[in-house]
Amino acid sequence: MTEFWLISAPGEKTCQQTWDKLMVATTRTNNLSTNTKFNIPDLKVGTLDVLVGLSDELAKLSTFVESVVRKIAQYMADVLEDSRDKVQENLLANGVDLVTYITRFQWDMAKYPIKQSLKNIAEIISKQVSQIDNDLKARASAYNNLKGNLQNLERKNAGSLLTRSLADIVKKEDFVLDSEYLITMLVVVPKTNYADWQKTYETLAEMVVPRSSKQLFEDNDSGLFSVTLFRKAVDDFKHKARENKFTVRDFQYNEEEMKADKEEMTRLSTDKKKQFGPLVRWLKVNFSEAFIAWIHIKALRVFVESVLRYGLPVNFQTMLLQPNKKNMKKLREVLYDLYKHLDSSAAIIDASMDIPGLNLSQQEYYPYVYYKIDLNLLDFKV
């Protein structure tokens, strides 16, 4: 299960009692979830007005930061292409896997000093993640252009003989070059028509050089043949070839152009390899930064919401639950029974219910503070 529930409940006589009660209700007898204490330091509370405003701002910020985390994870998967199974081992936070990071969460005092106001901490995170998002757009755009150009060239050199580039198939000696009168044409002949080609190519037009046809290449469906004829017979030859289901390819042997194409492909391939390592390193570092920021926002949201709901002085226990997939419904019921006294109006309300004047901001509402953390960050299963 990659889903976690971050919840808080007021301290009984002590916060430890709140924790013990949860453990008895959810793990000691019925294995509904695996729980850990989620440590939030003593943050500056500020005024009630500020907390109410901040609650909405943090909801928006959380959505934005989560979207950046998911974008980086998905782009990492795109960049790693053939080694997608390696994606998970690159998606780390502070050098550890994501489950370890959140279950052993420690507030980063250096990045987000708790002497600052909650609003300032939120602004630090917002600026930091906006910068990461902008950098990601720029880096992804540059790498995608490079990759796209390379794929276009590779596509030209693959596929059917009817459409693919012929530059890497033909050689100089396959052509009559620099002749005022003669020209070598390249013709794609379906495999089933080889015999017809040999019988008829000399008579498809006047002035075809006898016995000039050679097979240069073959793929699954067709063969590529050369044939030499007089220049003035070209149009007539093309017309008759088409009638006989032979396809004349428009191809001029030009060594400089072919060399330039090969060099361009080598350059793009080299550039892609050069950018790959630094890009993966950047994604790894900034995924970690964005993910850490996201979990700190979850911590801020729990703190703000708990103060707004449970009042001052600050006295609540934050707990991280990893639900047992089979028992999620039962876990909800147990938590409801445990905390229903906190809010008599909160018979389990689902966010899909439309209740005028109650802004659930697409978040289910329960008598305890609750935020979901979903660590399944990719569109595919790794």
Protein backbone atom coordinates (compact mmCIF):
# COMPACT_ATOMS: atom_id res chain seq x y z
CA MET A 1 0.00 0.00 0.00
CA THR A 2 1.39 3.38 -0.99
CA GLU A 3 -1.42 5.30 0.71
CA PHE A 4 -0.88 6.95 4.10
CA TRP A 5 -3.29 8.84 6.34
CA LEU A 6 -1.84 11.77 8.27
CA ILE A 7 -4.19 12.49 11.16
CA SER A 8 -4.18 14.38 14.42
CA ALA A 9 -6.26 14.24 17.59
CA PRO A 10 -6.11 16.36 20.76
CA GLY A 11 -3.93 15.22 23.63
CA GLU A 12 -5.86 13.46 26.40
CA LYS A 13 -4.08 14.16 29.69
CA THR A 14 -0.93 13.70 27.61
CA CYS A 15 -0.28 13.22 23.89
CA GLN A 16 1.14 9.78 24.71
CA GLN A 17 -2.31 8.68 25.89
CA THR A 18 -3.82 9.76 22.56
CA TRP A 19 -1.18 7.67 20.81
CA ASP A 20 -1.72 4.63 23.05
CA LYS A 21 -5.48 4.75 22.47
CA LEU A 22 -4.98 4.80 18.69
CA MET A 23 -2.54 1.88 18.87
CA VAL A 24 -4.96 -0.22 20.95
CA ALA A 25 -7.85 0.54 18.56
CA THR A 26 -6.01 -0.06 15.27
CA THR A 27 -3.11 -2.45 15.74
CA ARG A 28 -3.04 -4.42 18.98
CA THR A 29 -5.96 -6.71 18.16
CA ASN A 30 -7.06 -6.20 14.58
CA ASN A 31 -4.10 -5.13 12.39
CA LEU A 32 -6.00 -2.34 10.64
CA SER A 33 -2.96 -0.17 10.04
CA THR A 34 0.74 0.34 10.72
CA ASN A 35 1.22 3.55 12.70
CA THR A 36 4.08 5.90 13.49
CA LYS A 37 4.25 9.17 15.39
CA PHE A 38 4.70 12.11 13.02
CA ASN A 39 6.84 14.71 14.75
CA ILE A 40 6.01 18.37 14.15
CA PRO A 41 8.15 20.89 16.09
CA ASP A 42 6.80 23.87 18.08
CA LEU A 43 5.88 26.19 15.25
CA LYS A 44 4.87 29.86 15.71
CA VAL A 45 1.09 29.96 15.92
CA GLY A 46 0.39 33.63 15.08
CA THR A 47 -3.16 35.05 15.13
CA LEU A 48 -6.39 33.26 14.36
CA ASP A 49 -7.05 35.48 11.31
CA VAL A 50 -3.69 34.60 9.82
CA LEU A 51 -4.29 30.86 10.45
CA VAL A 52 -7.68 30.94 8.70
CA GLY A 53 -6.17 32.67 5.62
CA LEU A 54 -3.16 30.39 5.70
CA SER A 55 -5.35 27.28 5.74
CA ASP A 56 -6.66 28.12 2.23
CA GLU A 57 -3.24 29.16 0.94
CA LEU A 58 -1.66 25.91 2.14
CA ALA A 59 -4.37 23.86 0.42
CA LYS A 60 -3.53 25.53 -2.93
CA LEU A 61 0.21 25.28 -2.29
CA SER A 62 -0.09 21.59 -1.43
CA THR A 63 -1.87 20.89 -4.74
CA PHE A 64 0.80 22.82 -6.67
CA VAL A 65 3.77 21.16 -4.95
CA GLU A 66 2.25 17.68 -5.34
CA SER A 67 1.78 18.35 -9.07
CA VAL A 68 5.49 19.29 -9.38
CA VAL A 69 6.53 16.14 -7.46
CA ARG A 70 4.43 14.00 -9.82
CA LYS A 71 5.72 15.84 -12.91
CA ILE A 72 9.35 15.21 -11.93
CA ALA A 73 8.65 11.52 -11.16
CA GLN A 74 6.84 11.03 -14.48
CA TYR A 75 9.56 12.86 -16.42
CA MET A 76 12.20 10.72 -14.72
CA ALA A 77 10.31 7.67 -16.05
CA ASP A 78 10.18 9.20 -19.55
CA VAL A 79 13.90 10.03 -19.57
CA LEU A 80 14.95 6.59 -18.32
CA GLU A 81 13.02 5.02 -21.26
CA ASP A 82 14.28 1.43 -21.40
CA SER A 83 15.19 1.16 -17.74
CA ARG A 84 11.87 2.18 -16.21
CA ASP A 85 12.32 -0.46 -13.52
CA LYS A 86 15.17 1.75 -12.25
CA VAL A 87 12.84 4.73 -11.77
CA GLN A 88 11.87 3.82 -8.21
CA GLU A 89 15.48 3.58 -7.06
CA ASN A 90 16.04 7.15 -8.29
CA LEU A 91 12.96 8.54 -6.55
CA LEU A 92 14.43 9.09 -3.10
CA ALA A 93 14.05 11.76 -0.42
CA ASN A 94 17.23 12.66 1.46
CA GLY A 95 18.81 9.47 0.13
CA VAL A 96 16.16 7.10 1.50
CA ASP A 97 13.02 5.58 -0.03
CA LEU A 98 9.82 7.60 0.32
CA VAL A 99 8.12 5.31 2.85
CA THR A 100 11.18 5.46 5.12
CA TYR A 101 11.32 9.25 4.78
CA ILE A 102 7.73 9.89 5.81
CA THR A 103 7.62 7.25 8.54
CA ARG A 104 10.77 8.76 10.09
CA PHE A 105 9.93 12.35 9.27
CA GLN A 106 12.10 15.00 10.92
CA TRP A 107 11.48 18.70 10.33
CA ASP A 108 14.36 20.29 8.36
CA MET A 109 15.33 23.19 10.62
CA ALA A 110 18.00 24.49 8.21
CA LYS A 111 15.68 24.79 5.21
CA TYR A 112 12.55 25.84 7.06
CA PRO A 113 13.58 27.65 10.29
CA ILE A 114 10.81 27.37 12.88
CA LYS A 115 11.61 30.82 14.27
CA GLN A 116 10.01 32.17 11.08
CA SER A 117 6.26 32.68 10.92
CA LEU A 118 4.14 29.95 9.32
CA LYS A 119 3.38 32.34 6.43
CA ASN A 120 7.09 32.87 5.81
CA ILE A 121 7.79 29.13 5.83
CA ALA A 122 4.98 28.64 3.28
CA GLU A 123 6.52 31.40 1.12
CA ILE A 124 9.98 29.81 1.30
CA ILE A 125 8.48 26.52 0.05
CA SER A 126 6.43 28.26 -2.63
CA LYS A 127 9.46 30.12 -4.05
CA GLN A 128 11.67 27.04 -3.88
CA VAL A 129 9.21 24.76 -5.69
CA SER A 130 8.23 27.42 -8.28
CA GLN A 131 11.92 27.69 -9.17
CA ILE A 132 12.18 23.90 -9.51
CA ASP A 133 9.05 23.90 -11.72
CA ASN A 134 10.46 26.61 -14.01
CA ASP A 135 13.83 24.84 -14.26
CA LEU A 136 12.07 21.55 -15.06
CA LYS A 137 10.12 23.18 -17.91
CA ALA A 138 13.30 24.64 -19.43
CA ARG A 139 15.37 21.45 -19.09
CA ALA A 140 12.55 19.19 -20.30
CA SER A 141 11.93 21.42 -23.32
CA ALA A 142 15.62 21.37 -24.36
CA TYR A 143 15.96 17.60 -23.89
CA ASN A 144 12.62 16.83 -25.61
CA ASN A 145 13.62 18.91 -28.67
CA LEU A 146 16.87 17.01 -28.92
CA LYS A 147 15.14 13.66 -28.45
CA GLY A 148 12.42 14.58 -30.97
CA ASN A 149 14.93 15.60 -33.65
CA LEU A 150 16.89 12.40 -33.11
CA GLN A 151 13.74 10.26 -33.29
CA ASN A 152 12.72 11.96 -36.55
CA LEU A 153 16.10 11.12 -38.08
CA GLU A 154 15.96 7.55 -36.74
CA ARG A 155 12.44 7.17 -38.15
CA LYS A 156 13.76 8.23 -41.56
CA ASN A 157 16.30 5.40 -41.39
CA ALA A 158 13.79 2.73 -40.46
CA GLY A 159 10.52 1.39 -41.76
CA SER A 160 9.42 0.36 -45.23
CA LEU A 161 11.56 0.76 -48.35
CA LEU A 162 8.74 2.86 -49.76
CA THR A 163 9.36 5.64 -47.23
CA ARG A 164 12.67 5.20 -45.41
CA SER A 165 15.88 7.02 -46.19
CA LEU A 166 18.03 5.07 -48.64
CA ALA A 167 21.25 6.88 -47.80
CA ASP A 168 22.66 4.12 -45.58
CA ILE A 169 21.69 1.36 -48.07
CA VAL A 170 23.20 2.54 -51.37
CA LYS A 171 26.84 3.00 -52.35
CA LYS A 172 28.50 5.28 -54.87
CA GLU A 173 29.29 2.38 -57.22
CA ASP A 174 25.55 1.55 -57.52
CA PHE A 175 25.06 4.69 -59.66
CA VAL A 176 26.06 6.05 -63.03
CA LEU A 177 27.14 9.55 -61.98
CA ASP A 178 28.09 12.70 -63.91
CA SER A 179 26.65 11.41 -67.19
CA GLU A 180 24.95 13.83 -69.54
CA TYR A 181 22.67 11.13 -70.97
CA LEU A 182 22.34 8.28 -68.46
CA ILE A 183 20.74 8.15 -65.01
CA THR A 184 20.34 5.39 -62.40
CA MET A 185 16.88 5.02 -60.84
CA LEU A 186 15.96 3.14 -57.65
CA VAL A 187 12.82 1.01 -57.75
CA VAL A 188 10.96 -0.75 -54.90
CA VAL A 189 9.57 -4.09 -56.07
CA PRO A 190 7.24 -6.24 -53.93
CA LYS A 191 8.79 -9.66 -53.23
CA THR A 192 5.93 -11.39 -55.04
CA ASN A 193 6.74 -9.41 -58.22
CA TYR A 194 10.48 -10.11 -58.53
CA ALA A 195 10.00 -12.39 -61.57
CA ASP A 196 7.78 -9.80 -63.29
CA TRP A 197 10.42 -7.13 -62.70
CA GLN A 198 13.21 -9.20 -64.25
CA LYS A 199 11.00 -10.00 -67.28
CA THR A 200 9.70 -6.49 -67.91
CA TYR A 201 12.05 -3.76 -66.63
CA GLU A 202 13.99 -3.50 -69.93
CA THR A 203 10.76 -2.90 -71.86
CA LEU A 204 8.99 -0.49 -69.48
CA ALA A 205 10.35 2.37 -71.60
CA GLU A 206 12.60 2.85 -74.59
CA MET A 207 16.26 3.38 -73.86
CA VAL A 208 16.57 1.23 -70.69
CA VAL A 209 20.11 -0.16 -70.53
CA PRO A 210 19.81 -3.96 -70.89
CA ARG A 211 20.89 -6.06 -67.87
CA SER A 212 21.48 -2.92 -65.81
CA SER A 213 19.21 -3.92 -62.89
CA LYS A 214 20.77 -5.07 -59.62
CA GLN A 215 19.13 -5.92 -56.30
CA LEU A 216 20.69 -3.66 -53.64
CA PHE A 217 18.63 -4.47 -50.53
CA GLU A 218 15.67 -6.44 -49.25
CA ASP A 219 13.31 -6.06 -46.29
CA ASN A 220 10.34 -8.21 -45.20
CA ASP A 221 8.05 -7.04 -48.01
CA SER A 222 10.10 -5.66 -50.89
CA GLY A 223 13.44 -5.41 -52.63
CA LEU A 224 15.30 -2.31 -53.80
CA PHE A 225 16.55 -2.56 -57.38
CA SER A 226 18.68 -0.19 -59.43
CA VAL A 227 18.16 0.33 -63.15
CA THR A 228 19.99 2.60 -65.62
CA LEU A 229 18.29 4.40 -68.51
CA PHE A 230 18.53 7.46 -70.67
CA ARG A 231 17.43 10.68 -68.96
CA LYS A 232 14.81 11.47 -71.61
CA ALA A 233 12.99 8.19 -70.85
CA VAL A 234 12.57 8.87 -67.11
CA ASP A 235 8.94 10.13 -67.13
CA ASP A 236 7.76 7.33 -69.40
CA PHE A 237 9.59 4.75 -67.24
CA LYS A 238 8.04 6.08 -63.99
CA HIS A 239 4.53 5.96 -65.50
CA LYS A 240 4.89 2.38 -66.77
CA ALA A 241 6.55 1.22 -63.53
CA ARG A 242 3.59 2.54 -61.53
CA GLU A 243 1.16 0.62 -63.78
CA ASN A 244 3.12 -2.56 -63.01
CA LYS A 245 3.10 -1.96 -59.20
CA PHE A 246 6.78 -0.99 -59.11
CA THR A 247 7.53 2.19 -57.09
CA VAL A 248 10.26 4.51 -58.32
CA ARG A 249 11.90 6.34 -55.41
CA ASP A 250 12.96 9.95 -55.98
CA PHE A 251 16.58 9.71 -54.93
CA GLN A 252 19.62 11.70 -56.02
CA TYR A 253 22.99 10.40 -54.91
CA ASN A 254 24.60 13.35 -53.12
CA GLU A 255 27.58 12.47 -50.97
CA GLU A 256 27.72 15.82 -49.15
CA GLU A 257 24.05 15.71 -48.14
CA MET A 258 24.32 12.12 -46.96
CA LYS A 259 27.44 12.91 -44.98
CA ALA A 260 25.71 15.94 -43.39
CA ASP A 261 22.73 13.74 -42.35
CA LYS A 262 25.03 11.15 -40.79
CA GLU A 263 26.98 13.85 -38.95
CA GLU A 264 23.74 15.43 -37.69
CA MET A 265 22.58 12.06 -36.36
CA THR A 266 25.93 11.45 -34.64
CA ARG A 267 25.86 14.97 -33.16
CA LEU A 268 22.30 14.61 -31.83
CA SER A 269 23.05 11.15 -30.43
CA THR A 270 26.21 12.44 -28.70
CA ASP A 271 24.38 15.50 -27.33
CA LYS A 272 21.59 13.31 -25.97
CA LYS A 273 24.11 11.04 -24.20
CA LYS A 274 25.94 14.11 -22.82
CA GLN A 275 22.72 15.63 -21.44
CA PHE A 276 21.30 12.36 -20.10
CA GLY A 277 23.59 11.97 -17.04
CA PRO A 278 23.33 15.56 -15.76
CA LEU A 279 19.56 15.60 -16.43
CA VAL A 280 18.94 12.40 -14.42
CA ARG A 281 21.10 13.80 -11.59
CA TRP A 282 19.14 17.08 -11.64
CA LEU A 283 15.82 15.20 -11.59
CA LYS A 284 17.02 13.04 -8.69
CA VAL A 285 18.17 16.00 -6.58
CA ASN A 286 15.10 18.13 -7.31
CA PHE A 287 12.63 15.30 -6.88
CA SER A 288 14.05 14.91 -3.38
CA GLU A 289 13.78 18.68 -2.73
CA ALA A 290 10.19 18.89 -4.02
CA PHE A 291 9.07 15.76 -2.17
CA ILE A 292 10.57 16.99 1.12
CA ALA A 293 8.82 20.36 0.58
CA TRP A 294 5.52 18.55 -0.07
CA ILE A 295 5.70 16.56 3.19
CA HIS A 296 6.61 19.73 5.11
CA ILE A 297 3.47 21.35 3.67
CA LYS A 298 1.43 18.37 4.88
CA ALA A 299 2.97 18.95 8.33
CA LEU A 300 2.08 22.67 8.17
CA ARG A 301 -1.49 21.85 7.14
CA VAL A 302 -1.95 19.40 10.01
CA PHE A 303 -0.53 21.95 12.44
CA VAL A 304 -2.72 24.85 11.23
CA GLU A 305 -5.88 22.73 10.97
CA SER A 306 -5.30 21.18 14.42
CA VAL A 307 -4.90 24.59 16.07
CA LEU A 308 -8.04 25.87 14.31
CA ARG A 309 -10.06 22.81 15.34
CA TYR A 310 -8.70 21.95 18.77
CA GLY A 311 -7.75 25.44 19.97
CA LEU A 312 -4.88 26.70 22.12
CA PRO A 313 -2.61 25.92 23.87
CA VAL A 314 -1.16 23.58 21.21
CA ASN A 315 -1.88 20.09 22.47
CA PHE A 316 -2.42 17.39 19.86
CA GLN A 317 -0.75 14.23 18.62
CA THR A 318 -0.01 13.85 14.90
CA MET A 319 0.01 10.24 13.68
CA LEU A 320 0.83 8.62 10.35
CA LEU A 321 -1.24 5.56 9.50
CA GLN A 322 -0.50 3.12 6.71
CA PRO A 323 -3.85 1.37 6.25
CA ASN A 324 -4.08 -2.33 5.59
CA LYS A 325 -5.71 -2.34 2.14
CA LYS A 326 -8.33 -4.96 2.99
CA ASN A 327 -9.45 -3.14 6.14
CA MET A 328 -9.69 0.50 5.06
CA LYS A 329 -13.46 0.76 5.59
CA LYS A 330 -13.18 -0.85 9.01
CA LEU A 331 -10.30 1.51 9.92
CA ARG A 332 -12.47 4.52 9.05
CA GLU A 333 -15.23 3.19 11.34
CA VAL A 334 -12.82 2.57 14.22
CA LEU A 335 -11.34 6.09 13.88
CA TYR A 336 -14.85 7.56 13.77
CA ASP A 337 -15.83 5.76 16.97
CA LEU A 338 -12.59 6.86 18.59
CA TYR A 339 -12.96 10.56 17.72
CA LYS A 340 -16.68 11.25 17.06
CA HIS A 341 -16.90 13.14 20.38
CA LEU A 342 -14.64 15.84 18.87
CA ASP A 343 -17.27 17.08 16.45
CA SER A 344 -20.88 16.04 16.78
CA SER A 345 -21.76 17.42 13.35
CA ALA A 346 -19.19 15.27 11.55
CA ALA A 347 -21.07 12.11 10.79
CA ILE A 348 -18.78 10.88 8.07
CA ILE A 349 -19.28 13.39 5.27
CA ASP A 350 -18.03 12.51 1.84
CA ALA A 351 -16.53 15.27 -0.32
CA SER A 352 -18.89 14.30 -3.14
CA MET A 353 -21.88 15.56 -1.08
CA ASP A 354 -22.79 19.14 -1.88
CA ILE A 355 -23.36 21.00 1.37
CA PRO A 356 -23.96 24.75 0.93
CA GLY A 357 -21.53 26.97 2.81
CA LEU A 358 -19.13 24.15 3.65
CA ASN A 359 -15.95 24.37 1.63
CA LEU A 360 -14.42 20.91 1.72
CA SER A 361 -11.87 21.83 -0.94
CA GLN A 362 -12.21 18.31 -2.36
CA GLN A 363 -11.09 16.82 0.93
CA GLU A 364 -13.18 14.36 2.92
CA TYR A 365 -14.24 15.72 6.31
CA TYR A 366 -13.90 13.72 9.52
CA PRO A 367 -14.08 14.61 13.24
CA TYR A 368 -10.27 14.37 13.36
CA VAL A 369 -7.80 16.26 11.18
CA TYR A 370 -7.00 14.11 8.14
CA TYR A 371 -4.82 14.41 5.03
CA LYS A 372 -4.06 11.65 2.56
CA ILE A 373 -0.53 11.10 1.23
CA ASP A 374 -0.46 8.93 -1.89
CA LEU A 375 3.04 7.75 -2.76
CA ASN A 376 2.00 6.11 -6.03
CA LEU A 377 3.49 8.93 -8.09
CA LEU A 378 3.65 7.32 -11.53
CA ASP A 379 1.08 6.54 -14.21
CA PHE A 380 2.48 3.06 -14.66
CA LYS A 381 3.35 0.33 -12.21
CA VAL A 382 7.12 0.07 -11.96
